Amino acid sequence: MLDAADLLVVEKAISPQRLGTYEKAMGMKSTRRALELHAWNAQVTGAFMLPQQVCEVVIRNAVSQVVEAVYGAQWP
């Protein structure tokens, strides 16, 4: 667990403005809680990475198949 001095260093590194967004969302001024919410947000965002990447590949492949059907296998 971070002590008060460590929290201050992290807050300065991330920026008080950035953490302020999380403090505002929580309705309280707490660097520790803001960092917890920031970490949770990073975990949720990370959970969407694989499904997003799969969707990207599926869409790219579908577009490629349609373009190839129209312009042939040697389309640029």
Protein backbone atom coordinates (compact mmCIF):
# COMPACT_ATOMS: atom_id res chain seq x y z
CA MET A 1 0.00 0.00 0.00
CA LEU A 2 1.26 3.47 -0.84
CA ASP A 3 1.98 5.93 1.93
CA ALA A 4 1.11 9.64 1.72
CA ALA A 5 4.46 10.60 0.18
CA ASP A 6 4.13 7.90 -2.50
CA LEU A 7 0.59 9.02 -3.28
CA LEU A 8 1.82 12.57 -3.80
CA VAL A 9 4.54 11.37 -6.20
CA VAL A 10 2.03 9.30 -8.18
CA GLU A 11 -0.47 12.16 -8.24
CA LYS A 12 2.16 14.53 -9.65
CA ALA A 13 3.27 11.94 -12.21
CA ILE A 14 -0.26 11.23 -13.45
CA SER A 15 -1.33 14.87 -12.92
CA PRO A 16 -3.78 16.33 -10.44
CA GLN A 17 -6.11 17.19 -13.34
CA ARG A 18 -6.28 13.57 -14.50
CA LEU A 19 -6.89 12.24 -11.01
CA GLY A 20 -9.41 15.03 -10.48
CA THR A 21 -11.59 13.41 -13.12
CA TYR A 22 -11.74 10.26 -11.01
CA GLU A 23 -12.23 12.17 -7.75
CA LYS A 24 -15.11 14.06 -9.33
CA ALA A 25 -16.68 10.81 -10.53
CA MET A 26 -16.47 9.45 -7.00
CA GLY A 27 -17.75 12.64 -5.41
CA MET A 28 -14.80 12.96 -3.04
CA LYS A 29 -11.22 14.21 -2.94
CA SER A 30 -9.14 11.13 -2.27
CA THR A 31 -5.97 10.41 -4.22
CA ARG A 32 -5.97 6.80 -3.01
CA ARG A 33 -9.57 6.19 -4.12
CA ALA A 34 -8.94 8.01 -7.40
CA LEU A 35 -5.98 5.71 -8.08
CA GLU A 36 -8.12 2.67 -7.25
CA LEU A 37 -10.75 3.84 -9.74
CA HIS A 38 -8.02 4.58 -12.29
CA ALA A 39 -6.67 1.03 -11.85
CA TRP A 40 -10.17 -0.45 -12.17
CA ASN A 41 -10.71 1.57 -15.34
CA ALA A 42 -7.46 0.19 -16.77
CA GLN A 43 -8.59 -3.38 -15.97
CA VAL A 44 -11.98 -2.87 -17.63
CA THR A 45 -10.35 -1.30 -20.67
CA GLY A 46 -7.90 -4.19 -20.85
CA ALA A 47 -10.75 -6.69 -20.75
CA PHE A 48 -12.11 -5.21 -23.99
CA MET A 49 -8.81 -5.43 -25.87
CA LEU A 50 -9.07 -9.04 -27.06
CA PRO A 51 -12.71 -8.83 -28.23
CA GLN A 52 -11.91 -5.54 -29.97
CA GLN A 53 -8.92 -7.07 -31.74
CA VAL A 54 -10.99 -10.07 -32.86
CA CYS A 55 -13.69 -7.74 -34.25
CA GLU A 56 -11.04 -5.73 -36.08
CA VAL A 57 -9.63 -8.85 -37.77
CA VAL A 58 -13.11 -10.13 -38.69
CA ILE A 59 -14.06 -6.78 -40.26
CA ARG A 60 -10.73 -6.48 -42.08
CA ASN A 61 -11.08 -10.02 -43.47
CA ALA A 62 -14.66 -9.37 -44.60
CA VAL A 63 -13.66 -6.16 -46.37
CA SER A 64 -10.71 -7.94 -47.97
CA GLN A 65 -12.96 -10.72 -49.29
CA VAL A 66 -15.40 -8.23 -50.82
CA VAL A 67 -12.64 -6.14 -52.41
CA GLU A 68 -10.98 -9.29 -53.75
CA ALA A 69 -14.31 -10.48 -55.20
CA VAL A 70 -14.70 -7.15 -57.03
CA TYR A 71 -11.10 -6.42 -58.07
CA GLY A 72 -9.42 -9.83 -58.01
CA ALA A 73 -6.73 -11.37 -55.86
CA GLN A 74 -4.08 -8.80 -56.87
CA TRP A 75 -5.86 -5.70 -55.62
CA PRO A 76 -3.42 -3.23 -54.12
